[in-house]
């Protein structure tokens, strides 16, 4: 059989070309392309690690800045509350001063009014005494027919009003 006798030559030729093909692939891809791909992967890994480190540094800086901002905001809030408290205290003092002035004016008016009332009262009492003295003198003269002196009538009315 001629096919069997050609097997050794065919296999030898196929094994030869197989070794040449795989050798070519090994040197071109394995020695030429794989190191470049691995270098690219390593560079990419280094870049990712550097980016992660930069992001962590930026996060730490942002957290520190946020903490500083919070401290500053709390300080400013405290200062604002102190200013508000001071303004309230000053407003309260100003209100108290205005109230004191108004109370002084009211007290002065009340004092003037009380003085006027006292003056009017004493004037009214004198008039009442005079009217009562005249009425008493007139009543005595009509009833008893005796003429009473004005001073005696006033003394009798004063004694009756005070006693």
C-alpha atoms as a PDB file:
ATOM      1  CA  UNK A   1       0.000   0.000   0.000  1.00  0.00           C
ATOM      2  CA  UNK A   2       1.434   3.156  -1.071  1.00  0.00           C
ATOM      3  CA  UNK A   3      -0.471   5.239   1.459  1.00  0.00           C
ATOM      4  CA  UNK A   4       1.273   3.514   4.329  1.00  0.00           C
ATOM      5  CA  UNK A   5       4.706   4.033   2.844  1.00  0.00           C
ATOM      6  CA  UNK A   6       3.982   7.765   2.474  1.00  0.00           C
ATOM      7  CA  UNK A   7       2.929   8.104   6.094  1.00  0.00           C
ATOM      8  CA  UNK A   8       6.444   8.543   7.378  1.00  0.00           C
ATOM      9  CA  UNK A   9       7.279  11.189   4.784  1.00  0.00           C
ATOM     10  CA  UNK A  10       3.944  12.956   5.259  1.00  0.00           C
ATOM     11  CA  UNK A  11       4.224  12.961   9.014  1.00  0.00           C
ATOM     12  CA  UNK A  12       7.825  14.076   8.898  1.00  0.00           C
ATOM     13  CA  UNK A  13       6.913  16.949   6.610  1.00  0.00           C
ATOM     14  CA  UNK A  14       3.887  17.888   8.729  1.00  0.00           C
ATOM     15  CA  UNK A  15       5.894  17.723  11.971  1.00  0.00           C
ATOM     16  CA  UNK A  16       8.608  19.860  10.377  1.00  0.00           C
ATOM     17  CA  UNK A  17       6.136  22.562   9.298  1.00  0.00           C
ATOM     18  CA  UNK A  18       4.338  22.298  12.618  1.00  0.00           C
ATOM     19  CA  UNK A  19       7.600  23.003  14.465  1.00  0.00           C
ATOM     20  CA  UNK A  20       8.428  25.894  12.136  1.00  0.00           C
ATOM     21  CA  UNK A  21       4.910  27.371  12.507  1.00  0.00           C
ATOM     22  CA  UNK A  22       4.820  27.048  16.312  1.00  0.00           C
ATOM     23  CA  UNK A  23       8.426  28.285  16.558  1.00  0.00           C
ATOM     24  CA  UNK A  24       7.493  31.317  14.468  1.00  0.00           C
ATOM     25  CA  UNK A  25       4.413  31.945  16.608  1.00  0.00           C
ATOM     26  CA  UNK A  26       6.480  31.490  19.802  1.00  0.00           C
ATOM     27  CA  UNK A  27       9.158  33.974  18.802  1.00  0.00           C
ATOM     28  CA  UNK A  28       6.844  36.543  17.203  1.00  0.00           C
ATOM     29  CA  UNK A  29       4.032  36.465  19.709  1.00  0.00           C
ATOM     30  CA  UNK A  30       5.728  35.039  22.815  1.00  0.00           C
ATOM     31  CA  UNK A  31       8.954  37.024  22.577  1.00  0.00           C
ATOM     32  CA  UNK A  32       7.752  40.077  20.681  1.00  0.00           C
ATOM     33  CA  UNK A  33       4.170  40.855  21.545  1.00  0.00           C
ATOM     34  CA  UNK A  34       3.598  39.347  25.004  1.00  0.00           C
ATOM     35  CA  UNK A  35       6.306  41.444  26.723  1.00  0.00           C
ATOM     36  CA  UNK A  36       4.804  44.595  25.193  1.00  0.00           C
ATOM     37  CA  UNK A  37       1.321  43.599  26.348  1.00  0.00           C
ATOM     38  CA  UNK A  38       2.640  42.760  29.822  1.00  0.00           C
ATOM     39  CA  UNK A  39       4.498  46.080  29.982  1.00  0.00           C
ATOM     40  CA  UNK A  40       1.266  47.875  29.001  1.00  0.00           C
ATOM     41  CA  UNK A  41      -0.681  45.958  31.672  1.00  0.00           C
ATOM     42  CA  UNK A  42       1.966  46.774  34.299  1.00  0.00           C
ATOM     43  CA  UNK A  43       1.970  50.443  33.269  1.00  0.00           C
ATOM     44  CA  UNK A  44      -1.811  50.459  33.464  1.00  0.00           C
ATOM     45  CA  UNK A  45      -1.724  48.849  36.922  1.00  0.00           C
ATOM     46  CA  UNK A  46       0.842  51.422  38.074  1.00  0.00           C
ATOM     47  CA  UNK A  47      -1.318  54.243  36.665  1.00  0.00           C
ATOM     48  CA  UNK A  48      -4.407  52.873  38.416  1.00  0.00           C
ATOM     49  CA  UNK A  49      -2.477  52.554  41.697  1.00  0.00           C
ATOM     50  CA  UNK A  50      -1.153  56.113  41.286  1.00  0.00           C
ATOM     51  CA  UNK A  51      -4.655  57.388  40.507  1.00  0.00           C
ATOM     52  CA  UNK A  52      -6.056  55.597  43.563  1.00  0.00           C
ATOM     53  CA  UNK A  53      -3.299  57.066  45.752  1.00  0.00           C
ATOM     54  CA  UNK A  54      -3.976  60.542  44.330  1.00  0.00           C
ATOM     55  CA  UNK A  55      -7.704  60.072  44.938  1.00  0.00           C
ATOM     56  CA  UNK A  56      -7.048  58.990  48.524  1.00  0.00           C
ATOM     57  CA  UNK A  57      -4.767  62.002  49.043  1.00  0.00           C
ATOM     58  CA  UNK A  58      -7.426  64.278  47.559  1.00  0.00           C
ATOM     59  CA  UNK A  59     -10.080  62.696  49.785  1.00  0.00           C
ATOM     60  CA  UNK A  60      -7.893  63.206  52.859  1.00  0.00           C
ATOM     61  CA  UNK A  61      -7.276  66.821  51.861  1.00  0.00           C
ATOM     62  CA  UNK A  62     -10.996  67.354  51.234  1.00  0.00           C
ATOM     63  CA  UNK A  63     -11.866  65.827  54.624  1.00  0.00           C
ATOM     64  CA  UNK A  64      -9.287  68.028  56.338  1.00  0.00           C
ATOM     65  CA  UNK A  65     -10.620  71.103  54.543  1.00  0.00           C
ATOM     66  CA  UNK A  66     -14.193  70.135  55.436  1.00  0.00           C
ATOM     67  CA  UNK A  67     -13.195  69.761  59.092  1.00  0.00           C
ATOM     68  CA  UNK A  68     -11.472  73.146  58.992  1.00  0.00           C
ATOM     69  CA  UNK A  69     -14.564  74.644  57.358  1.00  0.00           C
ATOM     70  CA  UNK A  70     -16.812  73.132  60.034  1.00  0.00           C
ATOM     71  CA  UNK A  71     -14.592  74.534  62.791  1.00  0.00           C
ATOM     72  CA  UNK A  72     -14.628  77.941  61.119  1.00  0.00           C
ATOM     73  CA  UNK A  73     -18.404  77.785  60.600  1.00  0.00           C
ATOM     74  CA  UNK A  74     -18.934  76.835  64.254  1.00  0.00           C
ATOM     75  CA  UNK A  75     -16.649  79.675  65.338  1.00  0.00           C
ATOM     76  CA  UNK A  76     -18.507  82.144  63.141  1.00  0.00           C
ATOM     77  CA  UNK A  77     -21.850  80.806  64.378  1.00  0.00           C
ATOM     78  CA  UNK A  78     -20.700  81.342  67.975  1.00  0.00           C
ATOM     79  CA  UNK A  79     -19.520  84.856  67.156  1.00  0.00           C
ATOM     80  CA  UNK A  80     -22.834  85.613  65.452  1.00  0.00           C
ATOM     81  CA  UNK A  81     -24.748  84.355  68.466  1.00  0.00           C
ATOM     82  CA  UNK A  82     -22.572  86.527  70.718  1.00  0.00           C
ATOM     83  CA  UNK A  83     -23.288  89.553  68.518  1.00  0.00           C
ATOM     84  CA  UNK A  84     -27.008  88.747  68.589  1.00  0.00           C
ATOM     85  CA  UNK A  85     -26.945  88.384  72.374  1.00  0.00           C
ATOM     86  CA  UNK A  86     -25.078  91.688  72.680  1.00  0.00           C
ATOM     87  CA  UNK A  87     -27.574  93.405  70.358  1.00  0.00           C
ATOM     88  CA  UNK A  88     -30.469  91.970  72.374  1.00  0.00           C
ATOM     89  CA  UNK A  89     -28.896  93.198  75.606  1.00  0.00           C
ATOM     90  CA  UNK A  90     -28.324  96.660  74.132  1.00  0.00           C
ATOM     91  CA  UNK A  91     -31.878  96.739  72.795  1.00  0.00           C
ATOM     92  CA  UNK A  92     -33.176  95.695  76.214  1.00  0.00           C
ATOM     93  CA  UNK A  93     -31.131  98.464  77.863  1.00  0.00           C
ATOM     94  CA  UNK A  94     -32.405 100.993  75.330  1.00  0.00           C
ATOM     95  CA  UNK A  95     -35.976  99.801  75.896  1.00  0.00           C
ATOM     96  CA  UNK A  96     -35.509 100.031  79.647  1.00  0.00           C
ATOM     97  CA  UNK A  97     -34.129 103.555  79.268  1.00  0.00           C
ATOM     98  CA  UNK A  98     -37.102 104.577  77.093  1.00  0.00           C
ATOM     99  CA  UNK A  99     -39.487 102.940  79.539  1.00  0.00           C
ATOM    100  CA  UNK A 100     -37.799 104.736  82.423  1.00  0.00           C
ATOM    101  CA  UNK A 101     -38.133 108.061  80.577  1.00  0.00           C
ATOM    102  CA  UNK A 102     -41.783 107.345  79.795  1.00  0.00           C
ATOM    103  CA  UNK A 103     -42.385 106.306  83.420  1.00  0.00           C
ATOM    104  CA  UNK A 104     -40.720 109.518  84.609  1.00  0.00           C
ATOM    105  CA  UNK A 105     -42.980 111.565  82.318  1.00  0.00           C
ATOM    106  CA  UNK A 106     -46.016 109.638  83.503  1.00  0.00           C
ATOM    107  CA  UNK A 107     -44.979 110.091  87.137  1.00  0.00           C
ATOM    108  CA  UNK A 108     -44.489 113.822  86.544  1.00  0.00           C
ATOM    109  CA  UNK A 109     -47.927 114.106  84.934  1.00  0.00           C
ATOM    110  CA  UNK A 110     -49.489 112.084  87.731  1.00  0.00           C
ATOM    111  CA  UNK A 111     -47.774 114.324  90.299  1.00  0.00           C
ATOM    112  CA  UNK A 112     -49.013 117.444  88.496  1.00  0.00           C
ATOM    113  CA  UNK A 113     -52.512 115.976  88.282  1.00  0.00           C
ATOM    114  CA  UNK A 114     -52.469 115.052  91.986  1.00  0.00           C
ATOM    115  CA  UNK A 115     -51.308 118.578  92.835  1.00  0.00           C
ATOM    116  CA  UNK A 116     -54.103 120.056  90.716  1.00  0.00           C
ATOM    117  CA  UNK A 117     -56.596 117.697  92.340  1.00  0.00           C
ATOM    118  CA  UNK A 118     -55.348 118.667  95.806  1.00  0.00           C
ATOM    119  CA  UNK A 119     -55.586 122.356  94.886  1.00  0.00           C
ATOM    120  CA  UNK A 120     -59.068 121.888  93.464  1.00  0.00           C
ATOM    121  CA  UNK A 121     -60.070 119.840  96.499  1.00  0.00           C
ATOM    122  CA  UNK A 122     -58.868 122.442  98.972  1.00  0.00           C
ATOM    123  CA  UNK A 123     -60.582 125.153  96.912  1.00  0.00           C
ATOM    124  CA  UNK A 124     -63.780 123.083  96.814  1.00  0.00           C
ATOM    125  CA  UNK A 125     -63.570 122.479 100.571  1.00  0.00           C
ATOM    126  CA  UNK A 126     -63.168 126.222 101.183  1.00  0.00           C
ATOM    127  CA  UNK A 127     -66.159 126.917  98.954  1.00  0.00           C
ATOM    128  CA  UNK A 128     -68.156 124.195 100.697  1.00  0.00           C
ATOM    129  CA  UNK A 129     -67.208 125.668 104.074  1.00  0.00           C
ATOM    130  CA  UNK A 130     -68.199 129.135 102.870  1.00  0.00           C
ATOM    131  CA  UNK A 131     -71.519 127.851 101.442  1.00  0.00           C
ATOM    132  CA  UNK A 132     -72.157 125.812 104.612  1.00  0.00           C
ATOM    133  CA  UNK A 133     -71.307 128.832 106.810  1.00  0.00           C
ATOM    134  CA  UNK A 134     -73.645 131.077 104.783  1.00  0.00           C
ATOM    135  CA  UNK A 135     -76.381 128.426 104.864  1.00  0.00           C
ATOM    136  CA  UNK A 136     -75.929 127.896 108.634  1.00  0.00           C
ATOM    137  CA  UNK A 137     -76.067 131.662 109.277  1.00  0.00           C
ATOM    138  CA  UNK A 138     -79.177 131.986 107.110  1.00  0.00           C
ATOM    139  CA  UNK A 139     -80.855 128.946 108.777  1.00  0.00           C
ATOM    140  CA  UNK A 140     -80.117 130.288 112.279  1.00  0.00           C
ATOM    141  CA  UNK A 141     -81.378 133.739 111.386  1.00  0.00           C
ATOM    142  CA  UNK A 142     -84.620 132.332 109.955  1.00  0.00           C
ATOM    143  CA  UNK A 143     -85.247 129.833 112.680  1.00  0.00           C
ATOM    144  CA  UNK A 144     -84.023 131.691 115.751  1.00  0.00           C
ATOM    145  CA  UNK A 145     -84.240 135.189 114.407  1.00  0.00           C
ATOM    146  CA  UNK A 146     -80.688 135.798 115.627  1.00  0.00           C
ATOM    147  CA  UNK A 147     -78.107 137.263 113.368  1.00  0.00           C
ATOM    148  CA  UNK A 148     -74.900 135.152 113.416  1.00  0.00           C
ATOM    149  CA  UNK A 149     -71.470 136.629 112.702  1.00  0.00           C
ATOM    150  CA  UNK A 150     -69.781 135.180 109.527  1.00  0.00           C
ATOM    151  CA  UNK A 151     -66.634 134.246 111.501  1.00  0.00           C
ATOM    152  CA  UNK A 152     -68.620 132.415 114.136  1.00  0.00           C
ATOM    153  CA  UNK A 153     -70.581 130.547 111.434  1.00  0.00           C
ATOM    154  CA  UNK A 154     -67.325 129.520 109.712  1.00  0.00           C
ATOM    155  CA  UNK A 155     -65.828 128.336 113.026  1.00  0.00           C
ATOM    156  CA  UNK A 156     -68.942 126.262 113.741  1.00  0.00           C
ATOM    157  CA  UNK A 157     -68.866 124.700 110.246  1.00  0.00           C
ATOM    158  CA  UNK A 158     -65.129 123.883 110.558  1.00  0.00           C
ATOM    159  CA  UNK A 159     -65.755 122.272 113.918  1.00  0.00           C
ATOM    160  CA  UNK A 160     -68.645 120.227 112.543  1.00  0.00           C
ATOM    161  CA  UNK A 161     -66.645 119.096 109.440  1.00  0.00           C
ATOM    162  CA  UNK A 162     -63.466 118.206 111.367  1.00  0.00           C
ATOM    163  CA  UNK A 163     -65.091 116.593 114.338  1.00  0.00           C
END
